[in-house]
Amino acid sequence: MVSIRPCQVSDLMSMQNANLTCLPENYQMKYYLYHFLTWPQLSFVAEDDKGNVVGYVLSKIDEQDSKRGHITSLAVLRSHRKLGIATKLMTQAEVALLEVFDADCVSLHVRKSNRAAFSLYHDILKFKIDEIEKQYYGDKEDAYSMIKFLKEESEKNHEKNKQKNKDKDNKSNETENDKKKTEEKPSTSTTTKTEQPSAPTSKPAGGKKKGKK
């Protein structure tokens, strides 16, 4: 039996160990402590019936957008996978983001090669691909930047703003291309053509050459 509960400071070492065991993206202890002290309501652990931490979710509020949550890290020990634990951890984080911080949405990054994690986020948890961030990870692999809206109206506003920014970028690119074409167009100068005199004809008048009698 596995239960989900809020993270405590005594769990941080076990969370770090799970991270080192499961994921290539690792963090120093001060990073876990920073999350715990800044957003104590947003991180959760999965605990088995023996009191061992077998999974965790580390989440936060975006520093530039107080209405946007972010999943920093999610891990479940291999021995406890396929039991729905990751889904329960993520769901608990989403509920806390909405109820405690009134967040409009939650975002995360996932490696393009991590098909299992992508399937969890996209197919089960209903996250959508927002964009692809090139060479996001330390080994230069691309990441899917994914987002899930916790409020219906927030999704509509996001799509409107996204389209507005896209139209703005397209217009800017068109203006820049027109400017380049203008700069590259050669200037036209008027030249006076000098008319050359025609060469005299050797054809005799009358059109036919007289034969010798």
C-alpha atoms as a PDB file:
ATOM      1  CA  MET A   1       0.000   0.000   0.000  1.00  0.00           C
ATOM      2  CA  VAL A   2       1.423   3.377  -1.051  1.00  0.00           C
ATOM      3  CA  SER A   3       0.115   6.696   0.267  1.00  0.00           C
ATOM      4  CA  ILE A   4       0.722  10.268  -0.936  1.00  0.00           C
ATOM      5  CA  ARG A   5       1.529  12.927   1.642  1.00  0.00           C
ATOM      6  CA  PRO A   6       3.116  16.409   1.796  1.00  0.00           C
ATOM      7  CA  CYS A   7       6.892  16.507   1.800  1.00  0.00           C
ATOM      8  CA  GLN A   8       8.705  17.053   5.100  1.00  0.00           C
ATOM      9  CA  VAL A   9      12.246  18.280   5.586  1.00  0.00           C
ATOM     10  CA  SER A  10      13.236  14.792   6.762  1.00  0.00           C
ATOM     11  CA  ASP A  11      12.233  13.440   3.321  1.00  0.00           C
ATOM     12  CA  LEU A  12      14.695  15.536   1.338  1.00  0.00           C
ATOM     13  CA  MET A  13      17.546  13.032   1.464  1.00  0.00           C
ATOM     14  CA  SER A  14      15.284  10.210   0.291  1.00  0.00           C
ATOM     15  CA  MET A  15      13.969  12.431  -2.507  1.00  0.00           C
ATOM     16  CA  GLN A  16      17.484  13.188  -3.658  1.00  0.00           C
ATOM     17  CA  ASN A  17      18.369   9.476  -3.605  1.00  0.00           C
ATOM     18  CA  ALA A  18      15.307   8.684  -5.728  1.00  0.00           C
ATOM     19  CA  ASN A  19      16.315  11.399  -8.147  1.00  0.00           C
ATOM     20  CA  LEU A  20      19.875  10.060  -8.461  1.00  0.00           C
ATOM     21  CA  THR A  21      18.523   6.538  -9.000  1.00  0.00           C
ATOM     22  CA  CYS A  22      15.867   7.391 -11.584  1.00  0.00           C
ATOM     23  CA  LEU A  23      16.859  10.502 -13.518  1.00  0.00           C
ATOM     24  CA  PRO A  24      19.839  11.940 -15.412  1.00  0.00           C
ATOM     25  CA  GLU A  25      18.925  15.479 -14.263  1.00  0.00           C
ATOM     26  CA  ASN A  26      20.219  15.780 -10.694  1.00  0.00           C
ATOM     27  CA  TYR A  27      20.166  18.549  -8.103  1.00  0.00           C
ATOM     28  CA  GLN A  28      22.195  19.504  -5.060  1.00  0.00           C
ATOM     29  CA  MET A  29      20.549  19.283  -1.643  1.00  0.00           C
ATOM     30  CA  LYS A  30      20.252  23.054  -1.358  1.00  0.00           C
ATOM     31  CA  TYR A  31      17.906  23.021  -4.368  1.00  0.00           C
ATOM     32  CA  TYR A  32      15.479  20.639  -2.631  1.00  0.00           C
ATOM     33  CA  LEU A  33      15.723  22.726   0.530  1.00  0.00           C
ATOM     34  CA  TYR A  34      15.002  25.901  -1.455  1.00  0.00           C
ATOM     35  CA  HIS A  35      11.807  24.359  -2.878  1.00  0.00           C
ATOM     36  CA  PHE A  36      10.722  23.099   0.541  1.00  0.00           C
ATOM     37  CA  LEU A  37      11.245  26.455   2.264  1.00  0.00           C
ATOM     38  CA  THR A  38       9.765  28.592  -0.537  1.00  0.00           C
ATOM     39  CA  TRP A  39       6.797  26.432  -1.587  1.00  0.00           C
ATOM     40  CA  PRO A  40       6.220  23.910   1.243  1.00  0.00           C
ATOM     41  CA  GLN A  41       2.676  23.186   0.001  1.00  0.00           C
ATOM     42  CA  LEU A  42       3.761  22.067  -3.478  1.00  0.00           C
ATOM     43  CA  SER A  43       6.001  19.027  -3.021  1.00  0.00           C
ATOM     44  CA  PHE A  44       4.748  15.536  -2.175  1.00  0.00           C
ATOM     45  CA  VAL A  45       6.167  12.078  -1.561  1.00  0.00           C
ATOM     46  CA  ALA A  46       4.855   8.562  -2.078  1.00  0.00           C
ATOM     47  CA  GLU A  47       5.453   6.400   0.996  1.00  0.00           C
ATOM     48  CA  ASP A  48       5.088   2.624   1.241  1.00  0.00           C
ATOM     49  CA  ASP A  49       3.669   0.749   4.236  1.00  0.00           C
ATOM     50  CA  LYS A  50       7.150   0.517   5.753  1.00  0.00           C
ATOM     51  CA  GLY A  51       7.642   4.264   5.723  1.00  0.00           C
ATOM     52  CA  ASN A  52      10.052   4.314   2.786  1.00  0.00           C
ATOM     53  CA  VAL A  53       9.865   7.107   0.230  1.00  0.00           C
ATOM     54  CA  VAL A  54       9.372   5.443  -3.165  1.00  0.00           C
ATOM     55  CA  GLY A  55       8.570   8.519  -5.230  1.00  0.00           C
ATOM     56  CA  TYR A  56       8.204  12.278  -5.133  1.00  0.00           C
ATOM     57  CA  VAL A  57       7.112  15.338  -7.068  1.00  0.00           C
ATOM     58  CA  LEU A  58       8.948  18.637  -6.705  1.00  0.00           C
ATOM     59  CA  SER A  59       6.982  21.651  -7.894  1.00  0.00           C
ATOM     60  CA  LYS A  60       6.987  25.420  -7.580  1.00  0.00           C
ATOM     61  CA  ILE A  61       5.497  28.723  -8.732  1.00  0.00           C
ATOM     62  CA  ASP A  62       7.207  30.360 -11.686  1.00  0.00           C
ATOM     63  CA  GLU A  63       9.348  33.268 -10.454  1.00  0.00           C
ATOM     64  CA  GLN A  64       8.244  35.449 -13.407  1.00  0.00           C
ATOM     65  CA  ASP A  65       4.553  34.490 -13.355  1.00  0.00           C
ATOM     66  CA  SER A  66       2.763  33.979 -10.039  1.00  0.00           C
ATOM     67  CA  LYS A  67      -0.172  32.293 -11.807  1.00  0.00           C
ATOM     68  CA  ARG A  68       1.970  29.615 -13.437  1.00  0.00           C
ATOM     69  CA  GLY A  69       3.079  26.469 -11.644  1.00  0.00           C
ATOM     70  CA  HIS A  70       5.991  24.315 -12.753  1.00  0.00           C
ATOM     71  CA  ILE A  71       6.901  20.684 -12.148  1.00  0.00           C
ATOM     72  CA  THR A  72      10.616  20.682 -11.437  1.00  0.00           C
ATOM     73  CA  SER A  73      11.078  16.951 -10.967  1.00  0.00           C
ATOM     74  CA  LEU A  74       9.069  13.732 -10.759  1.00  0.00           C
ATOM     75  CA  ALA A  75      10.473  10.300  -9.943  1.00  0.00           C
ATOM     76  CA  VAL A  76       9.204   6.879  -8.872  1.00  0.00           C
ATOM     77  CA  LEU A  77      11.503   3.998  -7.968  1.00  0.00           C
ATOM     78  CA  ARG A  78      11.552   1.259 -10.595  1.00  0.00           C
ATOM     79  CA  SER A  79      10.265  -1.270  -8.037  1.00  0.00           C
ATOM     80  CA  HIS A  80       7.050   0.732  -7.657  1.00  0.00           C
ATOM     81  CA  ARG A  81       6.265   1.740 -11.233  1.00  0.00           C
ATOM     82  CA  LYS A  82       3.118   0.798 -13.160  1.00  0.00           C
ATOM     83  CA  LEU A  83       1.058   1.341 -10.012  1.00  0.00           C
ATOM     84  CA  GLY A  84      -0.294   4.806 -10.848  1.00  0.00           C
ATOM     85  CA  ILE A  85       1.949   6.492  -8.273  1.00  0.00           C
ATOM     86  CA  ALA A  86       3.291   9.139 -10.670  1.00  0.00           C
ATOM     87  CA  THR A  87      -0.258  10.058 -11.677  1.00  0.00           C
ATOM     88  CA  LYS A  88      -1.312  10.426  -8.036  1.00  0.00           C
ATOM     89  CA  LEU A  89       1.719  12.602  -7.235  1.00  0.00           C
ATOM     90  CA  MET A  90       1.081  14.856 -10.220  1.00  0.00           C
ATOM     91  CA  THR A  91      -2.632  15.147  -9.449  1.00  0.00           C
ATOM     92  CA  GLN A  92      -1.871  16.148  -5.862  1.00  0.00           C
ATOM     93  CA  ALA A  93       0.556  18.829  -7.066  1.00  0.00           C
ATOM     94  CA  GLU A  94      -2.034  20.203  -9.525  1.00  0.00           C
ATOM     95  CA  VAL A  95      -4.691  20.402  -6.787  1.00  0.00           C
ATOM     96  CA  ALA A  96      -2.312  22.271  -4.470  1.00  0.00           C
ATOM     97  CA  LEU A  97      -1.304  24.708  -7.220  1.00  0.00           C
ATOM     98  CA  LEU A  98      -4.937  25.546  -7.880  1.00  0.00           C
ATOM     99  CA  GLU A  99      -6.254  25.600  -4.309  1.00  0.00           C
ATOM    100  CA  VAL A 100      -3.301  27.236  -2.540  1.00  0.00           C
ATOM    101  CA  PHE A 101      -1.899  29.555  -5.220  1.00  0.00           C
ATOM    102  CA  ASP A 102      -4.886  29.899  -7.571  1.00  0.00           C
ATOM    103  CA  ALA A 103      -2.592  28.961 -10.470  1.00  0.00           C
ATOM    104  CA  ASP A 104      -3.944  29.192 -13.990  1.00  0.00           C
ATOM    105  CA  CYS A 105      -1.709  26.484 -15.430  1.00  0.00           C
ATOM    106  CA  VAL A 106       1.205  24.159 -14.771  1.00  0.00           C
ATOM    107  CA  SER A 107       4.168  23.497 -17.054  1.00  0.00           C
ATOM    108  CA  LEU A 108       7.014  21.011 -17.300  1.00  0.00           C
ATOM    109  CA  HIS A 109       9.839  19.837 -19.557  1.00  0.00           C
ATOM    110  CA  VAL A 110      10.427  16.316 -20.802  1.00  0.00           C
ATOM    111  CA  ARG A 111      13.113  14.834 -23.029  1.00  0.00           C
ATOM    112  CA  LYS A 112      11.988  14.116 -26.579  1.00  0.00           C
ATOM    113  CA  SER A 113      13.468  10.626 -26.242  1.00  0.00           C
ATOM    114  CA  ASN A 114      11.593   9.797 -23.009  1.00  0.00           C
ATOM    115  CA  ARG A 115       8.527   8.195 -24.562  1.00  0.00           C
ATOM    116  CA  ALA A 116       7.240   6.694 -21.297  1.00  0.00           C
ATOM    117  CA  ALA A 117       7.233  10.044 -19.506  1.00  0.00           C
ATOM    118  CA  PHE A 118       5.760  11.808 -22.533  1.00  0.00           C
ATOM    119  CA  SER A 119       2.944   9.252 -22.673  1.00  0.00           C
ATOM    120  CA  LEU A 120       2.188   9.840 -18.989  1.00  0.00           C
ATOM    121  CA  TYR A 121       2.036  13.613 -19.366  1.00  0.00           C
ATOM    122  CA  HIS A 122       0.305  13.750 -22.736  1.00  0.00           C
ATOM    123  CA  ASP A 123      -2.022  10.741 -22.792  1.00  0.00           C
ATOM    124  CA  ILE A 124      -2.925  10.328 -19.122  1.00  0.00           C
ATOM    125  CA  LEU A 125      -2.462  13.747 -17.511  1.00  0.00           C
ATOM    126  CA  LYS A 126      -3.545  15.675 -20.647  1.00  0.00           C
ATOM    127  CA  PHE A 127      -0.614  18.054 -20.923  1.00  0.00           C
ATOM    128  CA  LYS A 128      -0.153  19.662 -24.348  1.00  0.00           C
ATOM    129  CA  ILE A 129       3.045  20.485 -26.205  1.00  0.00           C
ATOM    130  CA  ASP A 130       3.524  24.244 -26.019  1.00  0.00           C
ATOM    131  CA  GLU A 131       6.836  24.370 -27.883  1.00  0.00           C
ATOM    132  CA  ILE A 132      10.084  22.496 -28.481  1.00  0.00           C
ATOM    133  CA  GLU A 133      13.118  23.954 -26.705  1.00  0.00           C
ATOM    134  CA  LYS A 134      16.273  23.158 -28.629  1.00  0.00           C
ATOM    135  CA  GLN A 135      19.245  21.718 -26.701  1.00  0.00           C
ATOM    136  CA  TYR A 136      17.468  22.293 -23.379  1.00  0.00           C
ATOM    137  CA  TYR A 137      19.355  19.609 -21.460  1.00  0.00           C
ATOM    138  CA  GLY A 138      23.025  19.500 -20.540  1.00  0.00           C
ATOM    139  CA  ASP A 139      23.729  16.836 -23.170  1.00  0.00           C
ATOM    140  CA  LYS A 140      22.092  19.072 -25.847  1.00  0.00           C
ATOM    141  CA  GLU A 141      18.930  16.983 -26.205  1.00  0.00           C
ATOM    142  CA  ASP A 142      15.761  18.892 -27.117  1.00  0.00           C
ATOM    143  CA  ALA A 143      12.855  19.125 -24.693  1.00  0.00           C
ATOM    144  CA  TYR A 144       9.125  19.275 -25.095  1.00  0.00           C
ATOM    145  CA  SER A 145       7.851  22.246 -23.125  1.00  0.00           C
ATOM    146  CA  MET A 146       4.396  21.097 -22.040  1.00  0.00           C
ATOM    147  CA  ILE A 147       1.507  22.874 -20.382  1.00  0.00           C
ATOM    148  CA  LYS A 148      -1.792  22.000 -18.725  1.00  0.00           C
ATOM    149  CA  PHE A 149      -4.451  24.574 -17.952  1.00  0.00           C
ATOM    150  CA  LEU A 150      -6.206  24.382 -14.620  1.00  0.00           C
ATOM    151  CA  LYS A 151      -8.863  26.896 -15.679  1.00  0.00           C
ATOM    152  CA  GLU A 152     -10.735  26.870 -18.988  1.00  0.00           C
ATOM    153  CA  GLU A 153     -10.599  30.634 -19.482  1.00  0.00           C
ATOM    154  CA  SER A 154      -6.829  30.617 -18.977  1.00  0.00           C
ATOM    155  CA  GLU A 155      -6.396  28.250 -21.916  1.00  0.00           C
ATOM    156  CA  LYS A 156      -8.425  30.530 -24.184  1.00  0.00           C
ATOM    157  CA  ASN A 157      -6.358  33.567 -23.164  1.00  0.00           C
ATOM    158  CA  HIS A 158      -3.124  31.644 -23.680  1.00  0.00           C
ATOM    159  CA  GLU A 159      -4.109  30.605 -27.206  1.00  0.00           C
ATOM    160  CA  LYS A 160      -5.123  34.171 -28.075  1.00  0.00           C
ATOM    161  CA  ASN A 161      -1.824  35.583 -26.816  1.00  0.00           C
ATOM    162  CA  LYS A 162       0.130  32.846 -28.572  1.00  0.00           C
ATOM    163  CA  GLN A 163      -1.581  33.613 -31.898  1.00  0.00           C
ATOM    164  CA  LYS A 164      -1.096  37.351 -31.362  1.00  0.00           C
ATOM    165  CA  ASN A 165       2.630  36.869 -30.776  1.00  0.00           C
ATOM    166  CA  LYS A 166       2.864  34.594 -33.813  1.00  0.00           C
ATOM    167  CA  ASP A 167       1.161  37.193 -36.026  1.00  0.00           C
ATOM    168  CA  LYS A 168       3.463  39.866 -34.630  1.00  0.00           C
ATOM    169  CA  ASP A 169       6.549  37.771 -35.398  1.00  0.00           C
ATOM    170  CA  ASN A 170       5.308  37.053 -38.933  1.00  0.00           C
ATOM    171  CA  LYS A 171       4.694  40.750 -39.568  1.00  0.00           C
ATOM    172  CA  SER A 172       8.126  41.617 -38.225  1.00  0.00           C
ATOM    173  CA  ASN A 173       9.744  39.015 -40.483  1.00  0.00           C
ATOM    174  CA  GLU A 174       7.854  40.333 -43.523  1.00  0.00           C
ATOM    175  CA  THR A 175       8.999  43.878 -42.768  1.00  0.00           C
ATOM    176  CA  GLU A 176      12.589  42.736 -42.386  1.00  0.00           C
ATOM    177  CA  ASN A 177      12.450  40.796 -45.675  1.00  0.00           C
ATOM    178  CA  ASP A 178      11.001  43.799 -47.503  1.00  0.00           C
ATOM    179  CA  LYS A 179      13.783  45.961 -46.095  1.00  0.00           C
ATOM    180  CA  LYS A 180      16.445  43.513 -47.266  1.00  0.00           C
ATOM    181  CA  LYS A 181      14.933  43.351 -50.762  1.00  0.00           C
ATOM    182  CA  THR A 182      14.974  47.148 -50.975  1.00  0.00           C
ATOM    183  CA  GLU A 183      18.621  47.288 -49.901  1.00  0.00           C
ATOM    184  CA  GLU A 184      19.651  44.581 -52.366  1.00  0.00           C
ATOM    185  CA  LYS A 185      17.836  46.104 -55.389  1.00  0.00           C
ATOM    186  CA  PRO A 186      20.396  47.715 -57.775  1.00  0.00           C
ATOM    187  CA  SER A 187      19.953  51.396 -58.521  1.00  0.00           C
ATOM    188  CA  THR A 188      18.944  52.296 -62.107  1.00  0.00           C
ATOM    189  CA  SER A 189      20.820  55.035 -63.974  1.00  0.00           C
ATOM    190  CA  THR A 190      19.842  56.705 -67.278  1.00  0.00           C
ATOM    191  CA  THR A 191      22.415  56.278 -70.016  1.00  0.00           C
ATOM    192  CA  THR A 192      22.424  58.040 -73.364  1.00  0.00           C
ATOM    193  CA  LYS A 193      22.786  55.663 -76.226  1.00  0.00           C
ATOM    194  CA  THR A 194      25.003  57.011 -79.015  1.00  0.00           C
ATOM    195  CA  GLU A 195      23.613  56.166 -82.397  1.00  0.00           C
ATOM    196  CA  GLN A 196      26.261  54.701 -84.677  1.00  0.00           C
ATOM    197  CA  PRO A 197      26.217  55.666 -88.383  1.00  0.00           C
ATOM    198  CA  SER A 198      25.218  52.840 -90.687  1.00  0.00           C
ATOM    199  CA  ALA A 199      27.873  51.347 -92.945  1.00  0.00           C
ATOM    200  CA  PRO A 200      27.556  52.291 -96.656  1.00  0.00           C
ATOM    201  CA  THR A 201      26.015  49.617 -98.859  1.00  0.00           C
ATOM    202  CA  SER A 202      27.992  48.187-101.739  1.00  0.00           C
ATOM    203  CA  LYS A 203      24.861  47.210-103.592  1.00  0.00           C
ATOM    204  CA  PRO A 204      24.596  49.202-106.837  1.00  0.00           C
ATOM    205  CA  ALA A 205      21.539  51.186-107.675  1.00  0.00           C
ATOM    206  CA  GLY A 206      19.024  49.281-109.656  1.00  0.00           C
ATOM    207  CA  GLY A 207      19.409  46.136-107.590  1.00  0.00           C
ATOM    208  CA  LYS A 208      21.143  43.988-110.234  1.00  0.00           C
ATOM    209  CA  LYS A 209      24.776  43.775-111.182  1.00  0.00           C
ATOM    210  CA  LYS A 210      25.328  44.359-114.924  1.00  0.00           C
ATOM    211  CA  GLY A 211      26.956  41.489-116.731  1.00  0.00           C
ATOM    212  CA  LYS A 212      30.031  42.068-118.983  1.00  0.00           C
ATOM    213  CA  LYS A 213      29.189  42.170-122.681  1.00  0.00           C
END
